Amino acid sequence: MTGADWSLDALRRCRAAAPSTPLAVMDLGRLAVKTCSLAAYLSLGVVEHDEDGPGAIVAEAARVLAPGGTLVLSVPY
């Protein structure tokens, strides 16, 4: 598991809560992850914050998920 966010402040809070979890600064619309390389992708309360809408983030999740991979996506509304 790797945590990703564009915000260093958010990643610092994650580091404090889970010191052994790998973290990376990434744009969720352009992940530095190989195509079809993830078994699962979890996004909680994130896609609704993209000013261009959720399309790029969802498309990027589809790109990095391996065939048969699991996408867990939630929005607060």
Protein backbone atom coordinates (compact mmCIF):
# COMPACT_ATOMS: atom_id res chain seq x y z
CA MET A 1 0.00 0.00 0.00
CA THR A 2 1.19 3.52 -0.82
CA GLY A 3 -0.52 6.74 0.17
CA ALA A 4 -0.57 9.54 -2.39
CA ASP A 5 -1.59 13.18 -2.20
CA TRP A 6 -0.56 16.46 -3.80
CA SER A 7 -0.44 18.14 -0.39
CA LEU A 8 2.70 17.86 1.72
CA ASP A 9 0.67 18.87 4.78
CA ALA A 10 -1.74 15.98 4.22
CA LEU A 11 1.16 13.57 3.80
CA ARG A 12 2.77 14.84 7.02
CA ARG A 13 -0.46 14.06 8.88
CA CYS A 14 -0.49 10.60 7.30
CA ARG A 15 3.14 10.06 8.32
CA ALA A 16 2.26 10.92 11.93
CA ALA A 17 -0.66 8.46 11.93
CA ALA A 18 1.04 5.65 10.00
CA PRO A 19 4.84 6.04 10.16
CA SER A 20 5.67 2.85 8.23
CA THR A 21 3.30 3.45 5.28
CA PRO A 22 5.03 4.54 2.06
CA LEU A 23 3.84 7.99 0.95
CA ALA A 24 4.32 9.95 -2.27
CA VAL A 25 3.43 13.37 -3.63
CA MET A 26 1.41 12.72 -6.80
CA ASP A 27 -1.20 14.32 -9.01
CA LEU A 28 -4.10 11.85 -8.94
CA GLY A 29 -4.86 12.66 -12.57
CA ARG A 30 -1.30 11.67 -13.61
CA LEU A 31 -0.03 8.96 -11.29
CA ALA A 32 3.62 7.91 -11.38
CA VAL A 33 2.49 4.28 -11.48
CA LYS A 34 2.80 1.67 -14.23
CA THR A 35 -0.26 0.81 -16.30
CA CYS A 36 -2.18 -2.24 -15.01
CA SER A 37 0.06 -2.50 -11.95
CA LEU A 38 -2.32 -2.17 -8.99
CA ALA A 39 -4.59 -4.82 -7.54
CA ALA A 40 -6.70 -2.17 -5.79
CA TYR A 41 -7.25 1.60 -5.79
CA LEU A 42 -8.92 3.31 -2.85
CA SER A 43 -10.11 6.93 -3.05
CA LEU A 44 -12.19 8.38 -0.23
CA GLY A 45 -13.59 11.88 -0.55
CA VAL A 46 -11.11 13.04 -3.19
CA VAL A 47 -12.54 13.16 -6.73
CA GLU A 48 -15.11 15.84 -5.95
CA HIS A 49 -12.31 18.32 -5.24
CA ASP A 50 -10.84 18.30 -8.77
CA GLU A 51 -11.78 21.59 -10.44
CA ASP A 52 -12.16 19.83 -13.81
CA GLY A 53 -14.46 17.15 -12.40
CA PRO A 54 -13.73 13.51 -11.59
CA GLY A 55 -13.08 12.30 -15.14
CA ALA A 56 -9.27 12.47 -15.19
CA ILE A 57 -8.90 10.88 -11.76
CA VAL A 58 -11.30 8.03 -12.57
CA ALA A 59 -9.62 7.46 -15.96
CA GLU A 60 -6.22 7.34 -14.26
CA ALA A 61 -7.52 4.84 -11.70
CA ALA A 62 -8.74 2.66 -14.59
CA ARG A 63 -5.32 2.92 -16.27
CA VAL A 64 -3.31 1.80 -13.24
CA LEU A 65 -5.65 -1.00 -12.13
CA ALA A 66 -4.71 -4.50 -13.21
CA PRO A 67 -7.39 -6.52 -15.03
CA GLY A 68 -9.90 -7.64 -12.41
CA GLY A 69 -8.58 -5.04 -9.96
CA THR A 70 -10.82 -3.41 -7.37
CA LEU A 71 -11.77 0.28 -7.39
CA VAL A 72 -13.22 1.71 -4.17
CA LEU A 73 -14.39 5.27 -4.73
CA SER A 74 -16.56 7.35 -2.43
CA VAL A 75 -17.81 10.91 -2.37
CA PRO A 76 -19.50 12.64 0.56
CA TYR A 77 -22.66 13.49 -1.38
